[in-house]
Amino acid sequence: MADEQQPPGGDAGPQPDPQFSAEGQPTQEELRQRLEEQLRRVRVQDVLLESVASILNLSARRIAKADERDLDQARVGIDAVRAVVDLLEPEPREQVRNALSELQLLYARESGDEGGAPPEGGPGGPEAKGGESPPPKPDSGLWTPPGSA
Protein backbone atom coordinates (compact mmCIF):
# COMPACT_ATOMS: atom_id res chain seq x y z
CA MET A 1 0.00 0.00 0.00
CA ALA A 2 1.48 3.30 -1.09
CA ASP A 3 -0.27 5.37 1.57
CA GLU A 4 1.48 3.68 4.52
CA GLN A 5 3.66 5.94 6.62
CA GLN A 6 7.03 4.95 7.98
CA PRO A 7 7.28 4.59 11.73
CA PRO A 8 8.98 7.44 13.61
CA GLY A 9 12.74 7.12 13.39
CA GLY A 10 12.91 6.98 9.60
CA ASP A 11 14.55 3.54 9.12
CA ALA A 12 11.91 1.22 7.70
CA GLY A 13 14.27 -1.76 7.25
CA PRO A 14 13.02 -4.97 5.64
CA GLN A 15 9.24 -5.19 5.60
CA PRO A 16 7.81 -8.32 7.28
CA ASP A 17 5.38 -10.59 5.45
CA PRO A 18 1.91 -9.16 6.21
CA GLN A 19 0.72 -12.70 7.03
CA PHE A 20 3.16 -12.94 9.94
CA SER A 21 3.94 -10.71 12.87
CA ALA A 22 7.40 -9.25 13.42
CA GLU A 23 8.28 -12.27 15.56
CA GLY A 24 7.48 -14.68 12.71
CA GLN A 25 4.25 -15.83 14.37
CA PRO A 26 1.10 -16.19 12.26
CA THR A 27 -1.18 -13.17 12.32
CA GLN A 28 -4.83 -13.34 13.24
CA GLU A 29 -5.69 -13.38 9.52
CA GLU A 30 -3.35 -16.32 8.86
CA LEU A 31 -4.83 -18.23 11.80
CA ARG A 32 -8.34 -17.51 10.53
CA GLN A 33 -7.45 -18.76 7.05
CA ARG A 34 -5.94 -21.95 8.46
CA LEU A 35 -9.04 -22.57 10.56
CA GLU A 36 -11.29 -21.99 7.54
CA GLU A 37 -9.28 -24.52 5.53
CA GLN A 38 -9.55 -27.11 8.31
CA LEU A 39 -13.31 -26.56 8.56
CA ARG A 40 -13.66 -27.12 4.79
CA ARG A 41 -12.08 -30.57 5.14
CA VAL A 42 -13.62 -31.79 8.40
CA ARG A 43 -16.57 -34.16 8.26
CA VAL A 44 -19.40 -34.43 10.76
CA GLN A 45 -18.56 -38.11 11.36
CA ASP A 46 -15.02 -37.08 12.36
CA VAL A 47 -16.30 -34.59 14.94
CA LEU A 48 -18.90 -37.09 16.14
CA LEU A 49 -16.25 -39.77 16.66
CA GLU A 50 -14.01 -37.35 18.58
CA SER A 51 -16.96 -36.32 20.72
CA VAL A 52 -17.94 -39.93 21.41
CA ALA A 53 -14.37 -40.78 22.42
CA SER A 54 -14.31 -37.79 24.79
CA ILE A 55 -17.66 -38.75 26.30
CA LEU A 56 -16.54 -42.36 26.82
CA ASN A 57 -13.31 -41.25 28.48
CA LEU A 58 -15.04 -38.73 30.72
CA SER A 59 -17.73 -41.23 31.68
CA ALA A 60 -15.08 -43.80 32.57
CA ARG A 61 -13.38 -41.23 34.83
CA ARG A 62 -16.71 -40.46 36.51
CA ILE A 63 -17.00 -44.16 37.36
CA ALA A 64 -13.44 -45.25 38.09
CA LYS A 65 -11.84 -42.31 39.91
CA ALA A 66 -13.09 -42.15 43.48
CA ASP A 67 -12.44 -38.40 43.79
CA GLU A 68 -14.41 -37.72 40.58
CA ARG A 69 -17.15 -40.32 40.98
CA ASP A 70 -20.50 -39.19 39.61
CA LEU A 71 -22.55 -42.15 38.44
CA ASP A 72 -25.38 -39.92 37.23
CA GLN A 73 -22.98 -38.16 34.86
CA ALA A 74 -21.54 -41.51 33.76
CA ARG A 75 -25.03 -42.72 32.97
CA VAL A 76 -25.74 -39.61 30.87
CA GLY A 77 -22.51 -40.27 28.96
CA ILE A 78 -23.41 -43.91 28.36
CA ASP A 79 -26.89 -42.97 27.16
CA ALA A 80 -25.45 -40.26 24.88
CA VAL A 81 -23.05 -42.68 23.21
CA ARG A 82 -25.80 -45.28 22.84
CA ALA A 83 -27.94 -42.65 21.11
CA VAL A 84 -25.37 -41.83 18.42
CA VAL A 85 -23.25 -44.97 17.97
CA ASP A 86 -25.27 -46.09 14.93
CA LEU A 87 -24.37 -42.83 13.14
CA LEU A 88 -20.67 -43.74 13.11
CA GLU A 89 -18.95 -45.46 10.21
CA PRO A 90 -18.69 -49.28 10.47
CA GLU A 91 -15.10 -49.70 11.70
CA PRO A 92 -15.14 -47.07 14.46
CA ARG A 93 -18.73 -48.08 15.31
CA GLU A 94 -17.57 -51.55 16.34
CA GLN A 95 -14.68 -50.14 18.38
CA VAL A 96 -17.04 -47.72 20.11
CA ARG A 97 -19.52 -50.52 20.83
CA ASN A 98 -16.74 -52.57 22.42
CA ALA A 99 -15.64 -49.63 24.56
CA LEU A 100 -19.26 -48.88 25.45
CA SER A 101 -19.81 -52.49 26.54
CA GLU A 102 -16.76 -52.32 28.80
CA LEU A 103 -17.99 -49.03 30.23
CA GLN A 104 -21.44 -50.46 30.87
CA LEU A 105 -19.91 -53.42 32.73
CA LEU A 106 -17.82 -51.04 34.82
CA TYR A 107 -20.91 -48.95 35.54
CA ALA A 108 -22.91 -52.02 36.57
CA ARG A 109 -20.10 -53.25 38.82
CA GLU A 110 -19.51 -49.88 40.46
CA SER A 111 -23.13 -48.80 40.80
CA GLY A 112 -24.02 -51.77 43.02
CA ASP A 113 -26.83 -50.53 45.24
CA GLU A 114 -26.30 -46.87 44.29
CA GLY A 115 -28.96 -46.88 41.60
CA GLY A 116 -28.73 -50.17 39.80
CA ALA A 117 -28.32 -50.66 36.11
CA PRO A 118 -29.73 -48.13 33.68
CA PRO A 119 -32.98 -49.26 32.11
CA GLU A 120 -33.04 -51.08 28.78
CA GLY A 121 -35.62 -48.60 27.47
CA GLY A 122 -33.26 -45.60 27.55
CA PRO A 123 -32.50 -43.56 24.43
CA GLY A 124 -32.24 -45.85 21.45
CA GLY A 125 -34.28 -48.61 23.09
CA PRO A 126 -37.31 -50.26 21.49
CA GLU A 127 -39.72 -47.61 22.74
CA ALA A 128 -37.68 -44.84 21.11
CA LYS A 129 -38.16 -46.49 17.72
CA GLY A 130 -41.94 -46.74 18.12
CA GLY A 131 -41.95 -50.51 18.62
CA GLU A 132 -43.30 -52.41 21.54
CA SER A 133 -41.06 -53.47 24.40
CA PRO A 134 -40.15 -57.13 24.61
CA PRO A 135 -41.36 -58.92 27.72
CA PRO A 136 -39.15 -58.07 30.71
CA LYS A 137 -36.20 -60.37 31.30
CA PRO A 138 -35.00 -61.31 34.75
CA ASP A 139 -32.60 -58.65 35.97
CA SER A 140 -29.07 -60.03 35.73
CA GLY A 141 -27.53 -56.86 37.20
CA LEU A 142 -25.74 -56.14 33.92
CA TRP A 143 -26.79 -53.39 31.60
CA THR A 144 -26.41 -54.36 27.98
CA PRO A 145 -27.32 -52.45 24.84
CA PRO A 146 -30.64 -53.40 23.24
CA GLY A 147 -30.31 -56.18 20.69
CA SER A 148 -27.03 -57.53 22.09
CA ALA A 149 -28.55 -60.15 24.41
C-alpha atoms as a PDB file:
ATOM      1  CA  MET A   1       0.000   0.000   0.000  1.00  0.00           C
ATOM      2  CA  ALA A   2       1.485   3.301  -1.092  1.00  0.00           C
ATOM      3  CA  ASP A   3      -0.265   5.374   1.573  1.00  0.00           C
ATOM      4  CA  GLU A   4       1.477   3.680   4.518  1.00  0.00           C
ATOM      5  CA  GLN A   5       3.658   5.943   6.624  1.00  0.00           C
ATOM      6  CA  GLN A   6       7.028   4.953   7.976  1.00  0.00           C
ATOM      7  CA  PRO A   7       7.282   4.586  11.734  1.00  0.00           C
ATOM      8  CA  PRO A   8       8.979   7.437  13.609  1.00  0.00           C
ATOM      9  CA  GLY A   9      12.737   7.123  13.385  1.00  0.00           C
ATOM     10  CA  GLY A  10      12.914   6.978   9.601  1.00  0.00           C
ATOM     11  CA  ASP A  11      14.552   3.542   9.120  1.00  0.00           C
ATOM     12  CA  ALA A  12      11.905   1.217   7.696  1.00  0.00           C
ATOM     13  CA  GLY A  13      14.269  -1.759   7.246  1.00  0.00           C
ATOM     14  CA  PRO A  14      13.024  -4.967   5.636  1.00  0.00           C
ATOM     15  CA  GLN A  15       9.244  -5.189   5.596  1.00  0.00           C
ATOM     16  CA  PRO A  16       7.811  -8.320   7.278  1.00  0.00           C
ATOM     17  CA  ASP A  17       5.385 -10.591   5.448  1.00  0.00           C
ATOM     18  CA  PRO A  18       1.908  -9.160   6.206  1.00  0.00           C
ATOM     19  CA  GLN A  19       0.720 -12.705   7.029  1.00  0.00           C
ATOM     20  CA  PHE A  20       3.159 -12.944   9.943  1.00  0.00           C
ATOM     21  CA  SER A  21       3.944 -10.712  12.873  1.00  0.00           C
ATOM     22  CA  ALA A  22       7.402  -9.252  13.421  1.00  0.00           C
ATOM     23  CA  GLU A  23       8.281 -12.271  15.558  1.00  0.00           C
ATOM     24  CA  GLY A  24       7.476 -14.681  12.711  1.00  0.00           C
ATOM     25  CA  GLN A  25       4.252 -15.834  14.370  1.00  0.00           C
ATOM     26  CA  PRO A  26       1.104 -16.190  12.256  1.00  0.00           C
ATOM     27  CA  THR A  27      -1.180 -13.174  12.316  1.00  0.00           C
ATOM     28  CA  GLN A  28      -4.833 -13.340  13.238  1.00  0.00           C
ATOM     29  CA  GLU A  29      -5.687 -13.378   9.516  1.00  0.00           C
ATOM     30  CA  GLU A  30      -3.347 -16.324   8.861  1.00  0.00           C
ATOM     31  CA  LEU A  31      -4.825 -18.233  11.795  1.00  0.00           C
ATOM     32  CA  ARG A  32      -8.344 -17.512  10.535  1.00  0.00           C
ATOM     33  CA  GLN A  33      -7.451 -18.756   7.050  1.00  0.00           C
ATOM     34  CA  ARG A  34      -5.939 -21.952   8.463  1.00  0.00           C
ATOM     35  CA  LEU A  35      -9.041 -22.575  10.559  1.00  0.00           C
ATOM     36  CA  GLU A  36     -11.294 -21.990   7.541  1.00  0.00           C
ATOM     37  CA  GLU A  37      -9.279 -24.520   5.525  1.00  0.00           C
ATOM     38  CA  GLN A  38      -9.551 -27.110   8.306  1.00  0.00           C
ATOM     39  CA  LEU A  39     -13.306 -26.555   8.560  1.00  0.00           C
ATOM     40  CA  ARG A  40     -13.659 -27.116   4.794  1.00  0.00           C
ATOM     41  CA  ARG A  41     -12.081 -30.568   5.141  1.00  0.00           C
ATOM     42  CA  VAL A  42     -13.619 -31.792   8.398  1.00  0.00           C
ATOM     43  CA  ARG A  43     -16.573 -34.164   8.256  1.00  0.00           C
ATOM     44  CA  VAL A  44     -19.404 -34.427  10.758  1.00  0.00           C
ATOM     45  CA  GLN A  45     -18.556 -38.109  11.360  1.00  0.00           C
ATOM     46  CA  ASP A  46     -15.022 -37.082  12.362  1.00  0.00           C
ATOM     47  CA  VAL A  47     -16.303 -34.593  14.936  1.00  0.00           C
ATOM     48  CA  LEU A  48     -18.899 -37.089  16.142  1.00  0.00           C
ATOM     49  CA  LEU A  49     -16.245 -39.775  16.659  1.00  0.00           C
ATOM     50  CA  GLU A  50     -14.009 -37.348  18.576  1.00  0.00           C
ATOM     51  CA  SER A  51     -16.957 -36.325  20.720  1.00  0.00           C
ATOM     52  CA  VAL A  52     -17.942 -39.931  21.410  1.00  0.00           C
ATOM     53  CA  ALA A  53     -14.372 -40.783  22.419  1.00  0.00           C
ATOM     54  CA  SER A  54     -14.307 -37.795  24.790  1.00  0.00           C
ATOM     55  CA  ILE A  55     -17.664 -38.751  26.303  1.00  0.00           C
ATOM     56  CA  LEU A  56     -16.538 -42.357  26.822  1.00  0.00           C
ATOM     57  CA  ASN A  57     -13.310 -41.249  28.484  1.00  0.00           C
ATOM     58  CA  LEU A  58     -15.039 -38.727  30.721  1.00  0.00           C
ATOM     59  CA  SER A  59     -17.733 -41.232  31.682  1.00  0.00           C
ATOM     60  CA  ALA A  60     -15.080 -43.798  32.575  1.00  0.00           C
ATOM     61  CA  ARG A  61     -13.385 -41.232  34.833  1.00  0.00           C
ATOM     62  CA  ARG A  62     -16.714 -40.464  36.512  1.00  0.00           C
ATOM     63  CA  ILE A  63     -17.003 -44.157  37.364  1.00  0.00           C
ATOM     64  CA  ALA A  64     -13.445 -45.250  38.088  1.00  0.00           C
ATOM     65  CA  LYS A  65     -11.842 -42.312  39.906  1.00  0.00           C
ATOM     66  CA  ALA A  66     -13.089 -42.147  43.476  1.00  0.00           C
ATOM     67  CA  ASP A  67     -12.440 -38.400  43.794  1.00  0.00           C
ATOM     68  CA  GLU A  68     -14.411 -37.722  40.575  1.00  0.00           C
ATOM     69  CA  ARG A  69     -17.154 -40.324  40.981  1.00  0.00           C
ATOM     70  CA  ASP A  70     -20.501 -39.194  39.607  1.00  0.00           C
ATOM     71  CA  LEU A  71     -22.551 -42.153  38.439  1.00  0.00           C
ATOM     72  CA  ASP A  72     -25.385 -39.918  37.226  1.00  0.00           C
ATOM     73  CA  GLN A  73     -22.978 -38.164  34.862  1.00  0.00           C
ATOM     74  CA  ALA A  74     -21.537 -41.508  33.760  1.00  0.00           C
ATOM     75  CA  ARG A  75     -25.026 -42.725  32.967  1.00  0.00           C
ATOM     76  CA  VAL A  76     -25.739 -39.609  30.871  1.00  0.00           C
ATOM     77  CA  GLY A  77     -22.514 -40.266  28.962  1.00  0.00           C
ATOM     78  CA  ILE A  78     -23.411 -43.911  28.364  1.00  0.00           C
ATOM     79  CA  ASP A  79     -26.885 -42.967  27.159  1.00  0.00           C
ATOM     80  CA  ALA A  80     -25.454 -40.265  24.875  1.00  0.00           C
ATOM     81  CA  VAL A  81     -23.047 -42.684  23.214  1.00  0.00           C
ATOM     82  CA  ARG A  82     -25.801 -45.275  22.844  1.00  0.00           C
ATOM     83  CA  ALA A  83     -27.936 -42.647  21.112  1.00  0.00           C
ATOM     84  CA  VAL A  84     -25.367 -41.834  18.418  1.00  0.00           C
ATOM     85  CA  VAL A  85     -23.250 -44.968  17.965  1.00  0.00           C
ATOM     86  CA  ASP A  86     -25.271 -46.087  14.933  1.00  0.00           C
ATOM     87  CA  LEU A  87     -24.375 -42.833  13.139  1.00  0.00           C
ATOM     88  CA  LEU A  88     -20.669 -43.743  13.110  1.00  0.00           C
ATOM     89  CA  GLU A  89     -18.955 -45.457  10.205  1.00  0.00           C
ATOM     90  CA  PRO A  90     -18.694 -49.277  10.471  1.00  0.00           C
ATOM     91  CA  GLU A  91     -15.101 -49.699  11.704  1.00  0.00           C
ATOM     92  CA  PRO A  92     -15.136 -47.073  14.462  1.00  0.00           C
ATOM     93  CA  ARG A  93     -18.728 -48.075  15.310  1.00  0.00           C
ATOM     94  CA  GLU A  94     -17.568 -51.545  16.336  1.00  0.00           C
ATOM     95  CA  GLN A  95     -14.685 -50.135  18.375  1.00  0.00           C
ATOM     96  CA  VAL A  96     -17.040 -47.723  20.114  1.00  0.00           C
ATOM     97  CA  ARG A  97     -19.520 -50.519  20.825  1.00  0.00           C
ATOM     98  CA  ASN A  98     -16.745 -52.570  22.424  1.00  0.00           C
ATOM     99  CA  ALA A  99     -15.637 -49.630  24.564  1.00  0.00           C
ATOM    100  CA  LEU A 100     -19.264 -48.884  25.451  1.00  0.00           C
ATOM    101  CA  SER A 101     -19.807 -52.489  26.543  1.00  0.00           C
ATOM    102  CA  GLU A 102     -16.765 -52.319  28.800  1.00  0.00           C
ATOM    103  CA  LEU A 103     -17.988 -49.026  30.231  1.00  0.00           C
ATOM    104  CA  GLN A 104     -21.442 -50.462  30.867  1.00  0.00           C
ATOM    105  CA  LEU A 105     -19.906 -53.417  32.725  1.00  0.00           C
ATOM    106  CA  LEU A 106     -17.817 -51.037  34.821  1.00  0.00           C
ATOM    107  CA  TYR A 107     -20.907 -48.948  35.542  1.00  0.00           C
ATOM    108  CA  ALA A 108     -22.907 -52.019  36.565  1.00  0.00           C
ATOM    109  CA  ARG A 109     -20.101 -53.251  38.815  1.00  0.00           C
ATOM    110  CA  GLU A 110     -19.514 -49.881  40.461  1.00  0.00           C
ATOM    111  CA  SER A 111     -23.129 -48.796  40.805  1.00  0.00           C
ATOM    112  CA  GLY A 112     -24.022 -51.772  43.020  1.00  0.00           C
ATOM    113  CA  ASP A 113     -26.828 -50.528  45.241  1.00  0.00           C
ATOM    114  CA  GLU A 114     -26.303 -46.870  44.293  1.00  0.00           C
ATOM    115  CA  GLY A 115     -28.959 -46.880  41.600  1.00  0.00           C
ATOM    116  CA  GLY A 116     -28.732 -50.175  39.796  1.00  0.00           C
ATOM    117  CA  ALA A 117     -28.321 -50.663  36.113  1.00  0.00           C
ATOM    118  CA  PRO A 118     -29.730 -48.128  33.682  1.00  0.00           C
ATOM    119  CA  PRO A 119     -32.982 -49.263  32.113  1.00  0.00           C
ATOM    120  CA  GLU A 120     -33.040 -51.076  28.781  1.00  0.00           C
ATOM    121  CA  GLY A 121     -35.622 -48.602  27.473  1.00  0.00           C
ATOM    122  CA  GLY A 122     -33.262 -45.604  27.550  1.00  0.00           C
ATOM    123  CA  PRO A 123     -32.497 -43.565  24.431  1.00  0.00           C
ATOM    124  CA  GLY A 124     -32.236 -45.855  21.450  1.00  0.00           C
ATOM    125  CA  GLY A 125     -34.280 -48.614  23.091  1.00  0.00           C
ATOM    126  CA  PRO A 126     -37.312 -50.264  21.486  1.00  0.00           C
ATOM    127  CA  GLU A 127     -39.722 -47.614  22.742  1.00  0.00           C
ATOM    128  CA  ALA A 128     -37.684 -44.841  21.111  1.00  0.00           C
ATOM    129  CA  LYS A 129     -38.163 -46.493  17.722  1.00  0.00           C
ATOM    130  CA  GLY A 130     -41.938 -46.741  18.124  1.00  0.00           C
ATOM    131  CA  GLY A 131     -41.955 -50.508  18.624  1.00  0.00           C
ATOM    132  CA  GLU A 132     -43.297 -52.411  21.543  1.00  0.00           C
ATOM    133  CA  SER A 133     -41.057 -53.475  24.395  1.00  0.00           C
ATOM    134  CA  PRO A 134     -40.149 -57.129  24.614  1.00  0.00           C
ATOM    135  CA  PRO A 135     -41.358 -58.923  27.725  1.00  0.00           C
ATOM    136  CA  PRO A 136     -39.151 -58.066  30.712  1.00  0.00           C
ATOM    137  CA  LYS A 137     -36.204 -60.371  31.298  1.00  0.00           C
ATOM    138  CA  PRO A 138     -34.995 -61.314  34.752  1.00  0.00           C
ATOM    139  CA  ASP A 139     -32.600 -58.650  35.965  1.00  0.00           C
ATOM    140  CA  SER A 140     -29.073 -60.033  35.734  1.00  0.00           C
ATOM    141  CA  GLY A 141     -27.531 -56.864  37.196  1.00  0.00           C
ATOM    142  CA  LEU A 142     -25.744 -56.141  33.918  1.00  0.00           C
ATOM    143  CA  TRP A 143     -26.795 -53.387  31.603  1.00  0.00           C
ATOM    144  CA  THR A 144     -26.409 -54.365  27.977  1.00  0.00           C
ATOM    145  CA  PRO A 145     -27.318 -52.448  24.844  1.00  0.00           C
ATOM    146  CA  PRO A 146     -30.641 -53.398  23.241  1.00  0.00           C
ATOM    147  CA  GLY A 147     -30.313 -56.183  20.691  1.00  0.00           C
ATOM    148  CA  SER A 148     -27.034 -57.527  22.094  1.00  0.00           C
ATOM    149  CA  ALA A 149     -28.545 -60.150  24.407  1.00  0.00           C
END
